[in-house]
C-alpha atoms as a PDB file:
ATOM      1  CA  MET A   1     181.620  11.712  72.719  1.00  0.00           C
ATOM      2  CA  MET A   2     179.481  12.045  69.592  1.00  0.00           C
ATOM      3  CA  LYS A   3     179.151  15.611  68.348  1.00  0.00           C
ATOM      4  CA  ASP A   4     175.838  17.060  67.205  1.00  0.00           C
ATOM      5  CA  SER A   5     175.953  17.919  63.492  1.00  0.00           C
ATOM      6  CA  ASN A   6     173.950  21.141  63.883  1.00  0.00           C
ATOM      7  CA  PRO A   7     176.171  24.215  64.248  1.00  0.00           C
ATOM      8  CA  MET A   8     175.901  25.847  67.650  1.00  0.00           C
ATOM      9  CA  VAL A   9     177.990  28.787  66.420  1.00  0.00           C
ATOM     10  CA  LYS A  10     178.178  30.002  62.841  1.00  0.00           C
ATOM     11  CA  ILE A  11     180.009  33.149  61.805  1.00  0.00           C
ATOM     12  CA  THR A  12     180.015  34.244  58.196  1.00  0.00           C
ATOM     13  CA  ASN A  13     182.301  36.763  56.471  1.00  0.00           C
ATOM     14  CA  ILE A  14     183.148  38.602  59.703  1.00  0.00           C
ATOM     15  CA  HIS A  15     185.219  41.744  59.263  1.00  0.00           C
ATOM     16  CA  LYS A  16     186.414  44.110  61.960  1.00  0.00           C
ATOM     17  CA  VAL A  17     188.096  47.402  61.161  1.00  0.00           C
ATOM     18  CA  PHE A  18     189.352  49.761  63.866  1.00  0.00           C
ATOM     19  CA  GLY A  19     189.738  53.326  62.723  1.00  0.00           C
ATOM     20  CA  ARG A  20     190.343  53.765  59.017  1.00  0.00           C
ATOM     21  CA  GLU A  21     193.015  51.207  58.252  1.00  0.00           C
ATOM     22  CA  ASN A  22     193.397  48.650  61.075  1.00  0.00           C
ATOM     23  CA  HIS A  23     191.647  45.695  59.425  1.00  0.00           C
ATOM     24  CA  VAL A  24     191.845  43.137  62.253  1.00  0.00           C
ATOM     25  CA  LEU A  25     189.444  40.477  60.925  1.00  0.00           C
ATOM     26  CA  ARG A  26     189.309  39.859  57.180  1.00  0.00           C
ATOM     27  CA  GLY A  27     186.255  37.825  56.237  1.00  0.00           C
ATOM     28  CA  ILE A  28     186.280  35.068  58.865  1.00  0.00           C
ATOM     29  CA  ASP A  29     184.008  32.047  58.416  1.00  0.00           C
ATOM     30  CA  LEU A  30     183.592  29.423  61.129  1.00  0.00           C
ATOM     31  CA  GLU A  31     181.089  26.760  62.150  1.00  0.00           C
ATOM     32  CA  ILE A  32     181.253  25.043  65.540  1.00  0.00           C
ATOM     33  CA  ASN A  33     179.062  22.076  66.318  1.00  0.00           C
ATOM     34  CA  LYS A  34     177.245  21.473  69.565  1.00  0.00           C
ATOM     35  CA  GLY A  35     179.604  19.794  72.019  1.00  0.00           C
ATOM     36  CA  GLU A  36     182.717  20.633  69.996  1.00  0.00           C
ATOM     37  CA  THR A  37     185.891  22.092  71.502  1.00  0.00           C
ATOM     38  CA  VAL A  38     187.754  24.450  69.191  1.00  0.00           C
ATOM     39  CA  VAL A  39     191.093  26.027  70.094  1.00  0.00           C
ATOM     40  CA  ILE A  40     192.301  29.128  68.246  1.00  0.00           C
ATOM     41  CA  LEU A  41     196.038  29.753  68.105  1.00  0.00           C
ATOM     42  CA  GLY A  42     198.057  32.545  66.567  1.00  0.00           C
ATOM     43  CA  ALA A  43     200.618  35.222  67.244  1.00  0.00           C
ATOM     44  CA  SER A  44     199.778  38.290  69.308  1.00  0.00           C
ATOM     45  CA  GLY A  45     197.755  40.741  67.250  1.00  0.00           C
ATOM     46  CA  SER A  46     196.427  38.134  64.823  1.00  0.00           C
ATOM     47  CA  GLY A  47     192.783  38.861  65.754  1.00  0.00           C
ATOM     48  CA  LYS A  48     191.968  35.933  68.051  1.00  0.00           C
ATOM     49  CA  SER A  49     190.500  37.862  70.978  1.00  0.00           C
ATOM     50  CA  THR A  50     188.672  40.281  68.700  1.00  0.00           C
ATOM     51  CA  LEU A  51     186.973  37.327  67.025  1.00  0.00           C
ATOM     52  CA  LEU A  52     185.801  35.926  70.379  1.00  0.00           C
ATOM     53  CA  ARG A  53     184.419  39.322  71.361  1.00  0.00           C
ATOM     54  CA  CYS A  54     182.548  39.572  68.061  1.00  0.00           C
ATOM     55  CA  ILE A  55     180.750  36.287  68.768  1.00  0.00           C
ATOM     56  CA  ASN A  56     178.905  37.796  71.745  1.00  0.00           C
ATOM     57  CA  PHE A  57     178.980  41.396  70.461  1.00  0.00           C
ATOM     58  CA  LEU A  58     181.283  42.758  73.122  1.00  0.00           C
ATOM     59  CA  GLU A  59     182.909  43.994  69.928  1.00  0.00           C
ATOM     60  CA  GLU A  60     180.630  45.065  67.098  1.00  0.00           C
ATOM     61  CA  PRO A  61     181.684  43.452  63.790  1.00  0.00           C
ATOM     62  CA  THR A  62     182.121  45.878  60.910  1.00  0.00           C
ATOM     63  CA  ALA A  63     180.489  43.386  58.549  1.00  0.00           C
ATOM     64  CA  GLY A  64     179.242  39.809  58.558  1.00  0.00           C
ATOM     65  CA  THR A  65     176.740  37.598  60.358  1.00  0.00           C
ATOM     66  CA  VAL A  66     176.883  35.883  63.748  1.00  0.00           C
ATOM     67  CA  GLU A  67     174.603  32.975  64.618  1.00  0.00           C
ATOM     68  CA  VAL A  68     174.483  31.318  68.041  1.00  0.00           C
ATOM     69  CA  ASP A  69     171.945  28.586  68.823  1.00  0.00           C
ATOM     70  CA  ASN A  70     169.878  29.632  65.763  1.00  0.00           C
ATOM     71  CA  ILE A  71     169.810  33.307  66.782  1.00  0.00           C
ATOM     72  CA  VAL A  72     171.136  35.441  63.924  1.00  0.00           C
ATOM     73  CA  VAL A  73     172.492  38.998  64.013  1.00  0.00           C
ATOM     74  CA  THR A  74     173.928  40.736  60.964  1.00  0.00           C
ATOM     75  CA  ALA A  75     176.384  43.589  61.450  1.00  0.00           C
ATOM     76  CA  GLY A  76     175.208  46.982  60.272  1.00  0.00           C
ATOM     77  CA  ILE A  77     171.511  46.075  60.092  1.00  0.00           C
ATOM     78  CA  ASN A  78     169.554  47.988  62.718  1.00  0.00           C
ATOM     79  CA  ASN A  79     166.065  46.555  62.980  1.00  0.00           C
ATOM     80  CA  LYS A  80     163.705  46.632  65.933  1.00  0.00           C
ATOM     81  CA  ASN A  81     164.740  43.159  67.091  1.00  0.00           C
ATOM     82  CA  ARG A  82     168.491  43.730  66.992  1.00  0.00           C
ATOM     83  CA  GLU A  83     169.127  44.560  70.656  1.00  0.00           C
ATOM     84  CA  SER A  84     166.924  41.752  71.895  1.00  0.00           C
ATOM     85  CA  GLN A  85     168.666  39.301  69.553  1.00  0.00           C
ATOM     86  CA  ILE A  86     172.087  40.399  70.830  1.00  0.00           C
ATOM     87  CA  LEU A  87     170.870  39.974  74.413  1.00  0.00           C
ATOM     88  CA  ARG A  88     169.657  36.457  73.591  1.00  0.00           C
ATOM     89  CA  ILE A  89     173.070  35.607  72.149  1.00  0.00           C
ATOM     90  CA  ARG A  90     174.828  36.971  75.236  1.00  0.00           C
ATOM     91  CA  LYS A  91     172.611  34.893  77.520  1.00  0.00           C
ATOM     92  CA  ARG A  92     173.753  31.801  75.631  1.00  0.00           C
ATOM     93  CA  THR A  93     177.487  32.593  75.656  1.00  0.00           C
ATOM     94  CA  GLY A  94     179.530  32.543  78.825  1.00  0.00           C
ATOM     95  CA  MET A  95     182.935  34.203  78.655  1.00  0.00           C
ATOM     96  CA  CYS A  96     186.073  34.023  80.750  1.00  0.00           C
ATOM     97  CA  PHE A  97     188.708  36.687  80.265  1.00  0.00           C
ATOM     98  CA  GLN A  98     192.402  37.042  81.074  1.00  0.00           C
ATOM     99  CA  ALA A  99     191.394  39.220  84.029  1.00  0.00           C
ATOM    100  CA  PHE A 100     188.953  37.563  86.375  1.00  0.00           C
ATOM    101  CA  ASN A 101     186.566  40.558  86.546  1.00  0.00           C
ATOM    102  CA  LEU A 102     184.981  39.485  89.826  1.00  0.00           C
ATOM    103  CA  PHE A 103     183.139  42.110  91.835  1.00  0.00           C
ATOM    104  CA  PRO A 104     185.579  42.863  94.703  1.00  0.00           C
ATOM    105  CA  HIS A 105     182.862  44.003  97.122  1.00  0.00           C
ATOM    106  CA  MET A 106     180.915  40.731  96.768  1.00  0.00           C
ATOM    107  CA  THR A 107     181.652  37.334  98.229  1.00  0.00           C
ATOM    108  CA  VAL A 108     182.276  34.354  95.979  1.00  0.00           C
ATOM    109  CA  LEU A 109     178.675  33.235  96.355  1.00  0.00           C
ATOM    110  CA  GLU A 110     177.327  36.720  95.720  1.00  0.00           C
ATOM    111  CA  ASN A 111     179.418  36.997  92.552  1.00  0.00           C
ATOM    112  CA  ILE A 112     177.920  33.773  91.212  1.00  0.00           C
ATOM    113  CA  ILE A 113     174.272  34.504  92.000  1.00  0.00           C
ATOM    114  CA  GLU A 114     174.272  38.129  90.790  1.00  0.00           C
ATOM    115  CA  GLY A 115     173.689  37.312  87.109  1.00  0.00           C
ATOM    116  CA  PRO A 116     170.982  34.664  87.533  1.00  0.00           C
ATOM    117  CA  ILE A 117     169.013  36.948  89.884  1.00  0.00           C
ATOM    118  CA  THR A 118     169.365  40.272  88.047  1.00  0.00           C
ATOM    119  CA  VAL A 119     169.472  39.063  84.432  1.00  0.00           C
ATOM    120  CA  LEU A 120     167.512  35.800  84.451  1.00  0.00           C
ATOM    121  CA  GLY A 121     165.096  36.775  87.218  1.00  0.00           C
ATOM    122  CA  GLN A 122     165.757  33.692  89.337  1.00  0.00           C
ATOM    123  CA  LYS A 123     164.643  33.507  92.939  1.00  0.00           C
ATOM    124  CA  LYS A 124     167.576  33.863  95.320  1.00  0.00           C
ATOM    125  CA  LYS A 125     167.056  30.446  96.902  1.00  0.00           C
ATOM    126  CA  LYS A 126     167.220  28.702  93.525  1.00  0.00           C
ATOM    127  CA  ALA A 127     170.262  30.738  92.466  1.00  0.00           C
ATOM    128  CA  VAL A 128     172.087  29.918  95.705  1.00  0.00           C
ATOM    129  CA  LEU A 129     171.417  26.187  95.397  1.00  0.00           C
ATOM    130  CA  TYR A 130     172.840  26.093  91.873  1.00  0.00           C
ATOM    131  CA  ALA A 131     175.779  28.299  92.858  1.00  0.00           C
ATOM    132  CA  GLU A 132     176.642  25.851  95.639  1.00  0.00           C
ATOM    133  CA  GLU A 133     176.533  22.989  93.108  1.00  0.00           C
ATOM    134  CA  LEU A 134     178.908  24.897  90.845  1.00  0.00           C
ATOM    135  CA  LEU A 135     181.280  25.721  93.697  1.00  0.00           C
ATOM    136  CA  ASP A 136     181.443  22.037  94.530  1.00  0.00           C
ATOM    137  CA  TRP A 137     182.070  21.275  90.847  1.00  0.00           C
ATOM    138  CA  VAL A 138     185.033  23.680  90.662  1.00  0.00           C
ATOM    139  CA  GLY A 139     186.323  22.556  94.062  1.00  0.00           C
ATOM    140  CA  LEU A 140     185.735  25.777  95.991  1.00  0.00           C
ATOM    141  CA  THR A 141     182.848  25.005  98.349  1.00  0.00           C
ATOM    142  CA  GLU A 142     184.826  26.227 101.349  1.00  0.00           C
ATOM    143  CA  LYS A 143     185.394  29.635  99.693  1.00  0.00           C
ATOM    144  CA  ARG A 144     181.700  30.558  99.246  1.00  0.00           C
ATOM    145  CA  ASP A 145     181.818  33.405 101.800  1.00  0.00           C
ATOM    146  CA  GLU A 146     185.302  34.694 100.998  1.00  0.00           C
ATOM    147  CA  TYR A 147     186.001  37.869  99.026  1.00  0.00           C
ATOM    148  CA  PRO A 148     188.011  37.720  95.781  1.00  0.00           C
ATOM    149  CA  SER A 149     191.007  39.455  97.374  1.00  0.00           C
ATOM    150  CA  CYS A 150     191.414  36.432  99.668  1.00  0.00           C
ATOM    151  CA  LEU A 151     191.706  33.975  96.763  1.00  0.00           C
ATOM    152  CA  SER A 152     194.615  32.955  94.579  1.00  0.00           C
ATOM    153  CA  GLY A 153     194.499  33.795  90.882  1.00  0.00           C
ATOM    154  CA  GLY A 154     193.598  30.217  90.015  1.00  0.00           C
ATOM    155  CA  GLN A 155     190.776  30.212  92.525  1.00  0.00           C
ATOM    156  CA  GLN A 156     189.463  33.528  91.210  1.00  0.00           C
ATOM    157  CA  GLN A 157     189.430  32.197  87.651  1.00  0.00           C
ATOM    158  CA  ARG A 158     187.565  29.073  88.774  1.00  0.00           C
ATOM    159  CA  VAL A 159     184.993  31.325  90.455  1.00  0.00           C
ATOM    160  CA  ALA A 160     184.751  33.311  87.203  1.00  0.00           C
ATOM    161  CA  ILE A 161     184.043  30.075  85.323  1.00  0.00           C
ATOM    162  CA  ALA A 162     181.399  29.094  87.892  1.00  0.00           C
ATOM    163  CA  ARG A 163     179.846  32.555  87.544  1.00  0.00           C
ATOM    164  CA  SER A 164     179.604  32.093  83.776  1.00  0.00           C
ATOM    165  CA  LEU A 165     178.134  28.607  84.155  1.00  0.00           C
ATOM    166  CA  ALA A 166     175.503  29.928  86.572  1.00  0.00           C
ATOM    167  CA  MET A 167     173.866  31.575  83.550  1.00  0.00           C
ATOM    168  CA  LYS A 168     173.534  28.101  81.960  1.00  0.00           C
ATOM    169  CA  PRO A 169     175.188  29.088  78.667  1.00  0.00           C
ATOM    170  CA  LYS A 170     175.135  26.982  75.529  1.00  0.00           C
ATOM    171  CA  VAL A 171     178.684  28.076  74.576  1.00  0.00           C
ATOM    172  CA  MET A 172     181.744  28.957  76.656  1.00  0.00           C
ATOM    173  CA  LEU A 173     184.299  31.414  75.273  1.00  0.00           C
ATOM    174  CA  PHE A 174     187.740  31.413  76.889  1.00  0.00           C
ATOM    175  CA  ASP A 175     190.078  34.310  76.115  1.00  0.00           C
ATOM    176  CA  GLU A 176     193.537  33.351  77.408  1.00  0.00           C
ATOM    177  CA  PRO A 177     192.063  32.358  80.792  1.00  0.00           C
ATOM    178  CA  THR A 178     195.424  31.274  82.231  1.00  0.00           C
ATOM    179  CA  SER A 179     197.702  34.029  80.911  1.00  0.00           C
ATOM    180  CA  ALA A 180     197.484  36.105  84.114  1.00  0.00           C
ATOM    181  CA  LEU A 181     198.231  33.131  86.379  1.00  0.00           C
ATOM    182  CA  ASP A 182     201.455  31.982  87.955  1.00  0.00           C
ATOM    183  CA  PRO A 183     202.606  28.745  86.288  1.00  0.00           C
ATOM    184  CA  GLU A 184     201.783  26.582  89.296  1.00  0.00           C
ATOM    185  CA  LEU A 185     198.146  27.727  89.203  1.00  0.00           C
ATOM    186  CA  VAL A 186     197.490  27.099  85.519  1.00  0.00           C
ATOM    187  CA  GLY A 187     196.678  23.412  85.915  1.00  0.00           C
ATOM    188  CA  GLU A 188     193.690  23.887  88.193  1.00  0.00           C
ATOM    189  CA  VAL A 189     191.969  26.133  85.636  1.00  0.00           C
ATOM    190  CA  VAL A 190     192.822  23.909  82.666  1.00  0.00           C
ATOM    191  CA  GLU A 191     191.417  20.927  84.580  1.00  0.00           C
ATOM    192  CA  VAL A 192     188.048  22.680  84.898  1.00  0.00           C
ATOM    193  CA  MET A 193     188.087  23.474  81.170  1.00  0.00           C
ATOM    194  CA  GLU A 194     188.854  19.837  80.379  1.00  0.00           C
ATOM    195  CA  ARG A 195     185.959  18.660  82.536  1.00  0.00           C
ATOM    196  CA  LEU A 196     183.618  21.076  80.783  1.00  0.00           C
ATOM    197  CA  ALA A 197     184.674  19.705  77.406  1.00  0.00           C
ATOM    198  CA  LYS A 198     184.219  16.107  78.501  1.00  0.00           C
ATOM    199  CA  GLU A 199     180.724  16.893  79.775  1.00  0.00           C
ATOM    200  CA  GLY A 200     179.706  18.215  76.355  1.00  0.00           C
ATOM    201  CA  MET A 201     179.943  21.989  76.638  1.00  0.00           C
ATOM    202  CA  THR A 202     180.573  23.774  73.339  1.00  0.00           C
ATOM    203  CA  ILE A 203     183.899  25.579  73.827  1.00  0.00           C
ATOM    204  CA  VAL A 204     185.824  28.152  71.833  1.00  0.00           C
ATOM    205  CA  ALA A 205     189.179  28.819  73.480  1.00  0.00           C
ATOM    206  CA  VAL A 206     191.981  31.216  72.688  1.00  0.00           C
ATOM    207  CA  THR A 207     194.856  29.759  74.668  1.00  0.00           C
ATOM    208  CA  HIS A 208     198.522  28.873  74.472  1.00  0.00           C
ATOM    209  CA  GLU A 209     198.044  25.908  76.807  1.00  0.00           C
ATOM    210  CA  LEU A 210     199.145  23.441  74.164  1.00  0.00           C
ATOM    211  CA  HIS A 211     198.438  20.300  76.164  1.00  0.00           C
ATOM    212  CA  PHE A 212     194.786  21.412  76.342  1.00  0.00           C
ATOM    213  CA  ALA A 213     194.800  21.885  72.568  1.00  0.00           C
ATOM    214  CA  ARG A 214     196.512  18.525  71.989  1.00  0.00           C
ATOM    215  CA  ASP A 215     194.481  16.449  74.420  1.00  0.00           C
ATOM    216  CA  VAL A 216     191.027  18.050  74.427  1.00  0.00           C
ATOM    217  CA  ALA A 217     190.402  20.029  71.227  1.00  0.00           C
ATOM    218  CA  ASP A 218     188.424  18.516  68.379  1.00  0.00           C
ATOM    219  CA  ARG A 219     189.888  21.129  66.048  1.00  0.00           C
ATOM    220  CA  VAL A 220     192.732  23.609  66.181  1.00  0.00           C
ATOM    221  CA  LEU A 221     192.620  26.731  64.017  1.00  0.00           C
ATOM    222  CA  ILE A 222     195.594  28.949  63.274  1.00  0.00           C
ATOM    223  CA  MET A 223     194.978  32.657  62.723  1.00  0.00           C
ATOM    224  CA  ASP A 224     197.418  35.061  61.094  1.00  0.00           C
ATOM    225  CA  GLN A 225     196.750  38.719  60.286  1.00  0.00           C
ATOM    226  CA  GLY A 226     192.989  38.355  60.553  1.00  0.00           C
ATOM    227  CA  ASN A 227     192.630  35.209  58.446  1.00  0.00           C
ATOM    228  CA  TRP A 228     192.587  31.469  58.990  1.00  0.00           C
ATOM    229  CA  ILE A 229     195.717  29.943  57.533  1.00  0.00           C
ATOM    230  CA  GLU A 230     195.214  26.378  58.710  1.00  0.00           C
ATOM    231  CA  GLU A 231     192.781  24.184  60.607  1.00  0.00           C
ATOM    232  CA  GLY A 232     192.482  20.531  61.465  1.00  0.00           C
ATOM    233  CA  PRO A 233     192.613  17.955  64.254  1.00  0.00           C
ATOM    234  CA  PRO A 234     195.374  18.639  66.780  1.00  0.00           C
ATOM    235  CA  GLU A 235     197.462  15.640  65.765  1.00  0.00           C
ATOM    236  CA  ILE A 236     197.726  17.048  62.232  1.00  0.00           C
ATOM    237  CA  ILE A 237     198.308  20.667  63.232  1.00  0.00           C
ATOM    238  CA  PHE A 238     201.027  19.836  65.741  1.00  0.00           C
ATOM    239  CA  ASN A 239     202.720  16.942  63.970  1.00  0.00           C
ATOM    240  CA  ASN A 240     202.352  17.790  60.295  1.00  0.00           C
ATOM    241  CA  PRO A 241     201.386  21.438  59.717  1.00  0.00           C
ATOM    242  CA  ARG A 242     201.096  22.427  56.078  1.00  0.00           C
ATOM    243  CA  HIS A 243     201.551  26.196  56.244  1.00  0.00           C
ATOM    244  CA  GLU A 244     204.967  27.748  56.788  1.00  0.00           C
ATOM    245  CA  ARG A 245     203.525  30.386  59.131  1.00  0.00           C
ATOM    246  CA  THR A 246     202.044  27.618  61.269  1.00  0.00           C
ATOM    247  CA  ARG A 247     205.412  25.885  61.444  1.00  0.00           C
ATOM    248  CA  GLN A 248     207.098  29.153  62.448  1.00  0.00           C
ATOM    249  CA  PHE A 249     204.503  29.877  65.110  1.00  0.00           C
ATOM    250  CA  LEU A 250     204.649  26.402  66.631  1.00  0.00           C
ATOM    251  CA  ALA A 251     208.455  26.431  66.587  1.00  0.00           C
ATOM    252  CA  HIS A 252     208.316  29.623  68.632  1.00  0.00           C
ATOM    253  CA  ILE A 253     205.943  28.343  71.338  1.00  0.00           C
ATOM    254  CA  LEU A 254     206.772  24.640  71.562  1.00  0.00           C
END
């Protein structure tokens, strides 16, 4: 599909330092267009997950600026609008983690409607109707009244995706969403991600599911020690990488 030329996500000179010396992100710049799917690859500890968490301020950047859907927050600047701006960014960014993070004492349906009712102020009837649409979309209509403990890992992650989509985000962030799954369950989650991409959702995904990166991503970015070392369309990154560290990384995971 045609991609909108206006950036949906723009991060500028993002740094993140833990403690005194652990400089995890070292001046990251990135623009992501509306409807674009970007996959971030890199070795463990390269800063991928920290970067995702900085986009929605689950992790506070040490320095730099984050912009999502024209809402701008600059690290270290505490003005009266800061908290409300961060909340507006969070409302526009859904996130799926390695762990599913479903509420164990709530049914599938209750998990999905909790955010729209408590955060967005939706009426329960409206929230339930949309939740049922989302359950049908992820193929779990029959599980609406089950508790998370009764579901497989793949089913729980699909519920987690539906829960994020119930907030009607502009951007979906995926942080290794299949890494906690048994191999036979990975495909059902990746299929939902692929459908989201095809329907025009803006996606930033940290994942080692290389067929998703090859077949779905518009761009693949390689991170190493808190910096970008290479980016480009998947056919270039996988077939003709320029950087030696990229070649070493791909040789290890392919």
